């Protein structure tokens, strides 16, 4: 996909993974302790609680986001989704409990990432910005200018707030 360039990865992914393991582990420990205190612990209940903790881990398992020249990928446990960011068709904001940015390319591929990934990783945001400008210039990006502008404003606000905080001006 063009020249060889550096790949950027989500720097918080390993911390998020550790947090997922901790949450599942704490839940398991609490369930086992409560069951033991109530004197109702049995092998079947241990299996049940381990299964429940495992399911919580699967739900909390973070996507591993990476980006390179012309592509964006999001990898979960069993599946990797990838889009061509230099051939984007749309970028949409999906609001809700967990806001997401949805990138869709001209081939129908789709990747969803949390806006926090972009806030925490300026290198990922920079690479995406360059490629979305390519998509705008070649006319493939027909829907998404507003979502990108909103994300740019949010990142600029967060960056300014961080600069003020670090410099002691806030």
N, C-alpha and C. Protein backbone atom coordinates (compact mmCIF):
# COMPACT_ATOMS: atom_id res chain seq x y z
N UNK A 1 0.83 -1.19 0.00
CA UNK A 1 0.00 0.00 0.00
C UNK A 1 0.87 1.25 0.00
N UNK A 2 1.85 1.29 -0.83
CA UNK A 2 2.69 2.47 -0.90
C UNK A 2 3.99 2.26 -0.17
N UNK A 3 4.58 3.35 0.24
CA UNK A 3 5.86 3.32 0.91
C UNK A 3 5.74 2.68 2.28
N UNK A 4 6.89 2.18 2.75
CA UNK A 4 6.92 1.61 4.09
C UNK A 4 6.98 2.75 5.11
N UNK A 5 6.06 2.76 6.03
CA UNK A 5 6.06 3.76 7.09
C UNK A 5 5.86 3.08 8.43
N UNK A 6 6.04 3.83 9.44
CA UNK A 6 5.89 3.35 10.80
C UNK A 6 4.43 3.00 11.10
N UNK A 7 4.24 1.95 11.87
CA UNK A 7 2.92 1.57 12.32
C UNK A 7 2.73 2.12 13.74
N UNK A 8 1.59 2.73 14.00
CA UNK A 8 1.29 3.26 15.33
C UNK A 8 0.28 2.33 16.01
N UNK A 9 0.51 2.07 17.29
CA UNK A 9 -0.35 1.20 18.08
C UNK A 9 -0.91 1.96 19.26
N UNK A 10 -2.04 1.49 19.77
CA UNK A 10 -2.66 2.07 20.97
C UNK A 10 -1.75 1.81 22.17
N UNK A 11 -1.23 2.88 22.76
CA UNK A 11 -0.29 2.75 23.88
C UNK A 11 -0.97 2.32 25.17
N UNK A 12 -2.27 2.49 25.28
CA UNK A 12 -2.99 2.12 26.51
C UNK A 12 -3.51 0.68 26.48
N UNK A 13 -3.35 -0.02 25.38
CA UNK A 13 -3.94 -1.34 25.24
C UNK A 13 -3.51 -2.30 26.34
N UNK A 14 -2.23 -2.35 26.65
CA UNK A 14 -1.77 -3.31 27.67
C UNK A 14 -2.34 -2.96 29.04
N UNK A 15 -2.45 -1.67 29.36
CA UNK A 15 -3.06 -1.27 30.64
C UNK A 15 -4.54 -1.65 30.66
N UNK A 16 -5.22 -1.45 29.54
CA UNK A 16 -6.64 -1.82 29.46
C UNK A 16 -6.83 -3.33 29.60
N UNK A 17 -5.91 -4.09 29.03
CA UNK A 17 -5.97 -5.55 29.14
C UNK A 17 -5.77 -5.97 30.60
N UNK A 18 -4.81 -5.37 31.27
CA UNK A 18 -4.57 -5.68 32.68
C UNK A 18 -5.79 -5.31 33.52
N UNK A 19 -6.42 -4.17 33.21
CA UNK A 19 -7.64 -3.78 33.93
C UNK A 19 -8.75 -4.80 33.72
N UNK A 20 -8.87 -5.34 32.51
CA UNK A 20 -9.89 -6.36 32.23
C UNK A 20 -9.64 -7.62 33.06
N UNK A 21 -8.38 -8.03 33.12
CA UNK A 21 -8.03 -9.21 33.92
C UNK A 21 -8.32 -8.94 35.40
N UNK A 22 -7.97 -7.76 35.87
CA UNK A 22 -8.22 -7.42 37.28
C UNK A 22 -9.71 -7.44 37.62
N UNK A 23 -10.52 -6.84 36.75
CA UNK A 23 -11.97 -6.81 37.01
C UNK A 23 -12.54 -8.23 37.08
N UNK A 24 -12.15 -9.07 36.14
CA UNK A 24 -12.64 -10.45 36.14
C UNK A 24 -12.12 -11.19 37.37
N UNK A 25 -10.87 -10.96 37.73
CA UNK A 25 -10.30 -11.62 38.90
C UNK A 25 -10.95 -11.18 40.20
N UNK A 26 -11.22 -9.88 40.33
CA UNK A 26 -11.89 -9.37 41.54
C UNK A 26 -13.29 -9.96 41.65
N UNK A 27 -14.01 -9.98 40.53
CA UNK A 27 -15.36 -10.57 40.56
C UNK A 27 -15.30 -12.03 41.00
N UNK A 28 -14.37 -12.78 40.43
CA UNK A 28 -14.23 -14.20 40.80
C UNK A 28 -13.93 -14.35 42.29
N UNK A 29 -12.98 -13.58 42.78
CA UNK A 29 -12.63 -13.66 44.21
C UNK A 29 -13.81 -13.31 45.11
N UNK A 30 -14.53 -12.25 44.76
CA UNK A 30 -15.68 -11.86 45.58
C UNK A 30 -16.77 -12.93 45.57
N UNK A 31 -17.06 -13.48 44.41
CA UNK A 31 -18.08 -14.53 44.33
C UNK A 31 -17.67 -15.76 45.15
N UNK A 32 -16.40 -16.14 45.05
CA UNK A 32 -15.93 -17.29 45.81
C UNK A 32 -15.95 -17.01 47.31
N UNK A 33 -15.55 -15.81 47.71
CA UNK A 33 -15.57 -15.46 49.13
C UNK A 33 -16.98 -15.44 49.71
N UNK A 34 -17.90 -14.85 48.97
CA UNK A 34 -19.29 -14.80 49.44
C UNK A 34 -19.87 -16.22 49.52
N UNK A 35 -19.58 -17.02 48.51
CA UNK A 35 -20.08 -18.40 48.51
C UNK A 35 -19.46 -19.20 49.66
N UNK A 36 -18.18 -18.98 49.92
CA UNK A 36 -17.50 -19.67 51.02
C UNK A 36 -18.07 -19.23 52.38
N UNK A 37 -18.30 -17.92 52.52
CA UNK A 37 -18.86 -17.39 53.77
C UNK A 37 -20.26 -17.93 54.02
N UNK A 38 -21.01 -18.12 52.95
CA UNK A 38 -22.38 -18.66 53.09
C UNK A 38 -22.35 -20.18 53.20
N UNK A 39 -21.17 -20.78 53.12
CA UNK A 39 -20.99 -22.23 53.20
C UNK A 39 -21.78 -22.96 52.11
N UNK A 40 -21.80 -22.36 50.91
CA UNK A 40 -22.51 -22.97 49.78
C UNK A 40 -21.58 -23.29 48.62
N UNK A 41 -20.29 -23.20 48.87
CA UNK A 41 -19.30 -23.43 47.81
C UNK A 41 -19.27 -24.91 47.44
N UNK A 42 -19.38 -25.18 46.15
CA UNK A 42 -19.32 -26.54 45.64
C UNK A 42 -18.56 -26.51 44.31
N UNK A 43 -18.11 -27.67 43.84
CA UNK A 43 -17.38 -27.68 42.56
C UNK A 43 -18.19 -27.07 41.40
N UNK A 44 -19.49 -27.33 41.37
CA UNK A 44 -20.31 -26.78 40.30
C UNK A 44 -20.41 -25.26 40.39
N UNK A 45 -20.49 -24.76 41.61
CA UNK A 45 -20.56 -23.30 41.79
C UNK A 45 -19.23 -22.66 41.42
N UNK A 46 -18.12 -23.32 41.71
CA UNK A 46 -16.81 -22.80 41.32
C UNK A 46 -16.73 -22.69 39.80
N UNK A 47 -17.20 -23.72 39.11
CA UNK A 47 -17.21 -23.70 37.64
C UNK A 47 -18.11 -22.55 37.15
N UNK A 48 -19.25 -22.39 37.78
CA UNK A 48 -20.17 -21.31 37.40
C UNK A 48 -19.51 -19.95 37.58
N UNK A 49 -18.87 -19.72 38.72
CA UNK A 49 -18.24 -18.42 38.98
C UNK A 49 -17.06 -18.19 38.05
N UNK A 50 -16.29 -19.23 37.76
CA UNK A 50 -15.17 -19.09 36.81
C UNK A 50 -15.69 -18.74 35.41
N UNK A 51 -16.79 -19.37 35.04
CA UNK A 51 -17.40 -19.08 33.73
C UNK A 51 -17.89 -17.64 33.68
N UNK A 52 -18.53 -17.20 34.74
CA UNK A 52 -19.02 -15.82 34.80
C UNK A 52 -17.86 -14.82 34.73
N UNK A 53 -16.79 -15.08 35.46
CA UNK A 53 -15.61 -14.20 35.41
C UNK A 53 -14.98 -14.22 34.02
N UNK A 54 -14.95 -15.38 33.39
CA UNK A 54 -14.42 -15.49 32.02
C UNK A 54 -15.25 -14.70 31.03
N UNK A 55 -16.56 -14.76 31.18
CA UNK A 55 -17.43 -13.98 30.30
C UNK A 55 -17.23 -12.48 30.49
N UNK A 56 -17.06 -12.06 31.75
CA UNK A 56 -16.79 -10.65 32.01
C UNK A 56 -15.49 -10.23 31.33
N UNK A 57 -14.46 -11.07 31.41
CA UNK A 57 -13.20 -10.77 30.74
C UNK A 57 -13.40 -10.62 29.24
N UNK A 58 -14.16 -11.52 28.64
CA UNK A 58 -14.41 -11.45 27.19
C UNK A 58 -15.12 -10.16 26.80
N UNK A 59 -16.07 -9.73 27.63
CA UNK A 59 -16.80 -8.49 27.36
C UNK A 59 -15.88 -7.28 27.48
N UNK A 60 -15.00 -7.31 28.47
CA UNK A 60 -14.12 -6.17 28.73
C UNK A 60 -12.84 -6.17 27.89
N UNK A 61 -12.54 -7.28 27.21
CA UNK A 61 -11.30 -7.38 26.43
C UNK A 61 -11.21 -6.22 25.43
N UNK A 62 -10.13 -5.43 25.53
CA UNK A 62 -10.03 -4.24 24.68
C UNK A 62 -9.60 -4.57 23.25
N UNK A 63 -10.08 -3.77 22.31
CA UNK A 63 -9.62 -3.89 20.93
C UNK A 63 -8.21 -3.34 20.84
N UNK A 64 -7.39 -3.98 20.05
CA UNK A 64 -6.02 -3.49 19.83
C UNK A 64 -6.02 -2.73 18.51
N UNK A 65 -5.90 -1.41 18.61
CA UNK A 65 -5.97 -0.54 17.44
C UNK A 65 -4.57 -0.24 16.94
N UNK A 66 -4.39 -0.36 15.62
CA UNK A 66 -3.13 0.02 15.00
C UNK A 66 -3.44 0.69 13.66
N UNK A 67 -2.49 1.51 13.22
CA UNK A 67 -2.69 2.26 12.00
C UNK A 67 -1.35 2.41 11.28
N UNK A 68 -1.41 2.40 9.98
CA UNK A 68 -0.24 2.62 9.15
C UNK A 68 -0.68 3.43 7.95
N UNK A 69 0.23 3.67 7.04
CA UNK A 69 -0.13 4.47 5.87
C UNK A 69 -1.18 3.75 5.04
N UNK A 70 -2.37 4.34 5.00
CA UNK A 70 -3.44 3.80 4.17
C UNK A 70 -4.34 2.77 4.84
N UNK A 71 -4.15 2.47 6.12
CA UNK A 71 -4.99 1.45 6.76
C UNK A 71 -5.16 1.71 8.25
N UNK A 72 -6.26 1.18 8.77
CA UNK A 72 -6.59 1.20 10.19
C UNK A 72 -7.10 -0.19 10.54
N UNK A 73 -6.61 -0.75 11.64
CA UNK A 73 -7.03 -2.09 12.05
C UNK A 73 -7.43 -2.09 13.51
N UNK A 74 -8.42 -2.93 13.81
CA UNK A 74 -8.88 -3.14 15.18
C UNK A 74 -8.97 -4.65 15.39
N UNK A 75 -8.16 -5.15 16.33
CA UNK A 75 -8.10 -6.60 16.55
C UNK A 75 -8.70 -6.95 17.90
N UNK A 76 -9.64 -7.87 17.87
CA UNK A 76 -10.23 -8.43 19.10
C UNK A 76 -9.65 -9.83 19.28
N UNK A 77 -10.22 -10.61 20.16
CA UNK A 77 -9.69 -11.95 20.42
C UNK A 77 -9.70 -12.84 19.18
N UNK A 78 -10.80 -12.88 18.47
CA UNK A 78 -10.93 -13.82 17.37
C UNK A 78 -10.98 -13.18 15.99
N UNK A 79 -10.99 -11.85 15.91
CA UNK A 79 -11.20 -11.23 14.61
C UNK A 79 -10.46 -9.91 14.50
N UNK A 80 -9.93 -9.67 13.32
CA UNK A 80 -9.31 -8.39 13.02
C UNK A 80 -10.11 -7.72 11.92
N UNK A 81 -10.47 -6.48 12.14
CA UNK A 81 -11.16 -5.69 11.13
C UNK A 81 -10.20 -4.63 10.63
N UNK A 82 -10.25 -4.38 9.32
CA UNK A 82 -9.30 -3.46 8.71
C UNK A 82 -9.99 -2.65 7.62
N UNK A 83 -9.68 -1.36 7.56
CA UNK A 83 -10.21 -0.51 6.49
C UNK A 83 -9.05 0.22 5.82
N UNK A 84 -9.29 0.58 4.59
CA UNK A 84 -8.35 1.44 3.85
C UNK A 84 -8.71 2.88 4.18
N UNK A 85 -7.86 3.56 4.92
CA UNK A 85 -8.14 4.93 5.33
C UNK A 85 -7.88 5.94 4.22
N UNK A 86 -7.16 5.53 3.19
CA UNK A 86 -6.96 6.42 2.05
C UNK A 86 -8.09 6.28 1.03
N UNK A 87 -9.01 5.33 1.28
CA UNK A 87 -10.17 5.11 0.42
C UNK A 87 -11.45 5.03 1.26
N UNK A 88 -11.56 5.92 2.24
CA UNK A 88 -12.75 5.92 3.11
C UNK A 88 -13.97 6.40 2.37
N UNK A 89 -15.09 5.78 2.68
CA UNK A 89 -16.38 6.19 2.14
C UNK A 89 -17.12 7.04 3.17
N UNK A 90 -17.03 6.64 4.46
CA UNK A 90 -17.72 7.40 5.50
C UNK A 90 -17.03 7.25 6.85
N UNK A 91 -17.25 8.28 7.66
CA UNK A 91 -16.83 8.26 9.06
C UNK A 91 -18.02 8.79 9.84
N UNK A 92 -18.49 7.99 10.78
CA UNK A 92 -19.67 8.38 11.55
C UNK A 92 -19.38 8.27 13.05
N UNK A 93 -20.05 9.12 13.81
CA UNK A 93 -20.01 9.03 15.28
C UNK A 93 -21.24 8.26 15.71
N UNK A 94 -21.04 7.23 16.49
CA UNK A 94 -22.15 6.47 17.07
C UNK A 94 -22.16 6.74 18.56
N UNK A 95 -23.20 7.43 19.00
CA UNK A 95 -23.31 7.77 20.42
C UNK A 95 -23.97 6.63 21.17
N UNK A 96 -23.95 6.75 22.47
CA UNK A 96 -24.56 5.74 23.32
C UNK A 96 -23.74 5.57 24.57
N UNK A 97 -23.89 4.43 25.22
CA UNK A 97 -23.15 4.15 26.44
C UNK A 97 -21.65 4.19 26.16
N UNK A 98 -21.26 3.64 25.04
CA UNK A 98 -19.86 3.63 24.62
C UNK A 98 -19.74 4.28 23.24
N UNK A 99 -19.43 5.59 23.20
CA UNK A 99 -19.35 6.26 21.89
C UNK A 99 -18.28 5.61 21.00
N UNK A 100 -18.55 5.55 19.73
CA UNK A 100 -17.64 4.92 18.78
C UNK A 100 -17.55 5.76 17.52
N UNK A 101 -16.39 5.71 16.88
CA UNK A 101 -16.23 6.25 15.54
C UNK A 101 -16.24 5.06 14.59
N UNK A 102 -17.06 5.13 13.57
CA UNK A 102 -17.20 4.03 12.62
C UNK A 102 -16.62 4.47 11.28
N UNK A 103 -15.56 3.77 10.86
CA UNK A 103 -14.91 4.05 9.58
C UNK A 103 -15.33 2.97 8.59
N UNK A 104 -15.75 3.40 7.39
CA UNK A 104 -16.15 2.45 6.34
C UNK A 104 -15.42 2.83 5.06
N UNK A 105 -14.82 1.84 4.40
CA UNK A 105 -14.11 2.13 3.16
C UNK A 105 -14.94 1.74 1.94
N UNK A 106 -14.41 2.01 0.76
CA UNK A 106 -15.18 1.77 -0.47
C UNK A 106 -15.39 0.28 -0.75
N UNK A 107 -14.66 -0.58 -0.06
CA UNK A 107 -14.81 -2.02 -0.24
C UNK A 107 -15.85 -2.63 0.70
N UNK A 108 -16.45 -1.78 1.55
CA UNK A 108 -17.47 -2.25 2.48
C UNK A 108 -16.92 -2.70 3.82
N UNK A 109 -15.61 -2.63 4.00
CA UNK A 109 -15.02 -2.99 5.29
C UNK A 109 -15.30 -1.89 6.30
N UNK A 110 -15.36 -2.30 7.59
CA UNK A 110 -15.75 -1.36 8.63
C UNK A 110 -14.93 -1.60 9.89
N UNK A 111 -14.50 -0.52 10.52
CA UNK A 111 -13.79 -0.59 11.80
C UNK A 111 -14.43 0.41 12.75
N UNK A 112 -14.66 -0.02 13.99
CA UNK A 112 -15.17 0.87 15.03
C UNK A 112 -14.10 1.02 16.10
N UNK A 113 -13.86 2.27 16.50
CA UNK A 113 -12.92 2.52 17.59
C UNK A 113 -13.51 3.57 18.52
N UNK A 114 -13.08 3.54 19.75
CA UNK A 114 -13.51 4.55 20.72
C UNK A 114 -12.73 5.83 20.52
N UNK A 115 -13.39 6.97 20.65
CA UNK A 115 -12.69 8.26 20.49
C UNK A 115 -11.53 8.42 21.47
N UNK A 116 -11.60 7.76 22.62
CA UNK A 116 -10.53 7.87 23.61
C UNK A 116 -9.20 7.36 23.06
N UNK A 117 -9.26 6.37 22.17
CA UNK A 117 -8.04 5.86 21.55
C UNK A 117 -7.32 6.99 20.80
N UNK A 118 -8.09 7.82 20.11
CA UNK A 118 -7.50 8.93 19.37
C UNK A 118 -6.99 10.02 20.30
N UNK A 119 -7.70 10.24 21.40
CA UNK A 119 -7.26 11.23 22.38
C UNK A 119 -5.96 10.80 23.07
N UNK A 120 -5.84 9.52 23.33
CA UNK A 120 -4.67 9.00 24.04
C UNK A 120 -3.47 8.75 23.14
N UNK A 121 -3.68 8.72 21.83
CA UNK A 121 -2.62 8.37 20.88
C UNK A 121 -2.53 9.38 19.74
N UNK A 122 -1.83 10.49 19.94
CA UNK A 122 -1.74 11.50 18.89
C UNK A 122 -1.14 10.98 17.59
N UNK A 123 -0.26 9.98 17.68
CA UNK A 123 0.33 9.43 16.46
C UNK A 123 -0.72 8.71 15.61
N UNK A 124 -1.66 8.03 16.25
CA UNK A 124 -2.75 7.38 15.51
C UNK A 124 -3.63 8.44 14.88
N UNK A 125 -3.98 9.48 15.64
CA UNK A 125 -4.82 10.56 15.12
C UNK A 125 -4.15 11.26 13.94
N UNK A 126 -2.86 11.53 14.05
CA UNK A 126 -2.12 12.21 12.98
C UNK A 126 -2.16 11.38 11.68
N UNK A 127 -1.91 10.07 11.80
CA UNK A 127 -1.92 9.20 10.63
C UNK A 127 -3.32 9.16 10.00
N UNK A 128 -4.36 9.05 10.84
CA UNK A 128 -5.73 9.02 10.33
C UNK A 128 -6.10 10.33 9.65
N UNK A 129 -5.66 11.45 10.23
CA UNK A 129 -5.95 12.76 9.64
C UNK A 129 -5.35 12.87 8.25
N UNK A 130 -4.09 12.45 8.11
CA UNK A 130 -3.44 12.50 6.80
C UNK A 130 -4.20 11.67 5.77
N UNK A 131 -4.59 10.46 6.16
CA UNK A 131 -5.27 9.58 5.21
C UNK A 131 -6.70 10.02 4.90
N UNK A 132 -7.39 10.60 5.89
CA UNK A 132 -8.74 11.07 5.59
C UNK A 132 -8.69 12.27 4.65
N UNK A 133 -7.63 13.06 4.74
CA UNK A 133 -7.47 14.17 3.77
C UNK A 133 -7.27 13.61 2.36
N UNK A 134 -6.59 12.49 2.24
CA UNK A 134 -6.42 11.83 0.94
C UNK A 134 -7.78 11.37 0.41
N UNK A 135 -8.59 10.79 1.32
CA UNK A 135 -9.93 10.33 0.92
C UNK A 135 -10.80 11.50 0.49
N UNK A 136 -10.69 12.62 1.20
CA UNK A 136 -11.44 13.82 0.80
C UNK A 136 -10.97 14.34 -0.54
N UNK A 137 -9.66 14.36 -0.74
CA UNK A 137 -9.09 14.89 -1.99
C UNK A 137 -9.46 14.03 -3.19
N UNK A 138 -9.49 12.71 -3.02
CA UNK A 138 -9.82 11.86 -4.17
C UNK A 138 -11.33 11.63 -4.33
N UNK A 139 -12.12 12.21 -3.43
CA UNK A 139 -13.58 12.20 -3.59
C UNK A 139 -14.29 10.97 -3.08
N UNK A 140 -13.59 10.05 -2.41
CA UNK A 140 -14.28 8.85 -1.92
C UNK A 140 -15.02 9.11 -0.61
N UNK A 141 -14.52 10.03 0.21
CA UNK A 141 -15.15 10.31 1.51
C UNK A 141 -16.34 11.25 1.30
N UNK A 142 -17.52 10.64 1.24
CA UNK A 142 -18.73 11.41 0.96
C UNK A 142 -19.50 11.78 2.22
N UNK A 143 -19.22 11.09 3.32
CA UNK A 143 -19.93 11.35 4.57
C UNK A 143 -18.96 11.22 5.72
N UNK A 144 -18.78 12.30 6.44
CA UNK A 144 -17.90 12.18 7.59
C UNK A 144 -17.14 13.44 7.94
N UNK A 145 -17.24 14.46 7.12
CA UNK A 145 -16.51 15.69 7.40
C UNK A 145 -16.92 16.28 8.75
N UNK A 146 -18.20 16.22 9.08
CA UNK A 146 -18.68 16.76 10.35
C UNK A 146 -18.13 15.95 11.52
N UNK A 147 -18.17 14.63 11.43
CA UNK A 147 -17.64 13.77 12.50
C UNK A 147 -16.15 14.02 12.71
N UNK A 148 -15.42 14.17 11.62
CA UNK A 148 -13.98 14.42 11.73
C UNK A 148 -13.71 15.79 12.33
N UNK A 149 -14.50 16.78 11.94
CA UNK A 149 -14.33 18.13 12.50
C UNK A 149 -14.62 18.12 14.00
N UNK A 150 -15.68 17.43 14.42
CA UNK A 150 -16.01 17.33 15.84
C UNK A 150 -14.89 16.63 16.62
N UNK A 151 -14.33 15.59 16.04
CA UNK A 151 -13.24 14.88 16.70
C UNK A 151 -12.01 15.77 16.78
N UNK A 152 -11.72 16.51 15.74
CA UNK A 152 -10.59 17.44 15.75
C UNK A 152 -10.76 18.49 16.84
N UNK A 153 -11.98 19.05 16.95
CA UNK A 153 -12.25 20.04 17.99
C UNK A 153 -12.08 19.44 19.38
N UNK A 154 -12.56 18.23 19.56
CA UNK A 154 -12.44 17.58 20.87
C UNK A 154 -10.98 17.32 21.22
N UNK A 155 -10.21 16.85 20.26
CA UNK A 155 -8.79 16.59 20.51
C UNK A 155 -8.05 17.89 20.77
N UNK A 156 -8.37 18.94 20.03
CA UNK A 156 -7.74 20.25 20.27
C UNK A 156 -8.07 20.77 21.67
N UNK A 157 -9.32 20.61 22.11
CA UNK A 157 -9.70 21.04 23.46
C UNK A 157 -8.96 20.25 24.53
N UNK A 158 -8.89 18.93 24.35
CA UNK A 158 -8.18 18.08 25.32
C UNK A 158 -6.69 18.43 25.36
N UNK A 159 -6.11 18.68 24.19
CA UNK A 159 -4.68 19.03 24.13
C UNK A 159 -4.43 20.36 24.83
N UNK A 160 -5.29 21.34 24.56
CA UNK A 160 -5.14 22.65 25.20
C UNK A 160 -5.29 22.53 26.72
N UNK A 161 -6.26 21.75 27.17
CA UNK A 161 -6.47 21.56 28.60
C UNK A 161 -5.24 20.90 29.24
N UNK A 162 -4.66 19.94 28.54
CA UNK A 162 -3.47 19.26 29.05
C UNK A 162 -2.28 20.22 29.13
N UNK A 163 -2.12 21.04 28.10
CA UNK A 163 -1.02 22.03 28.09
C UNK A 163 -1.18 23.00 29.24
N UNK A 164 -2.40 23.49 29.44
CA UNK A 164 -2.64 24.43 30.55
C UNK A 164 -2.38 23.77 31.91
N UNK A 165 -2.81 22.51 32.03
CA UNK A 165 -2.62 21.78 33.29
C UNK A 165 -1.12 21.58 33.58
N UNK A 166 -0.39 21.12 32.57
CA UNK A 166 1.04 20.86 32.74
C UNK A 166 1.81 22.15 33.03
N UNK A 167 1.42 23.23 32.38
CA UNK A 167 2.12 24.50 32.58
C UNK A 167 1.66 25.24 33.84
N UNK A 168 0.64 24.71 34.52
CA UNK A 168 0.16 25.33 35.75
C UNK A 168 -0.76 26.52 35.53
N UNK A 169 -1.29 26.66 34.34
CA UNK A 169 -2.16 27.81 34.03
C UNK A 169 -3.65 27.51 34.24
N UNK A 170 -3.98 26.29 34.59
CA UNK A 170 -5.42 25.98 34.76
C UNK A 170 -5.86 26.15 36.18
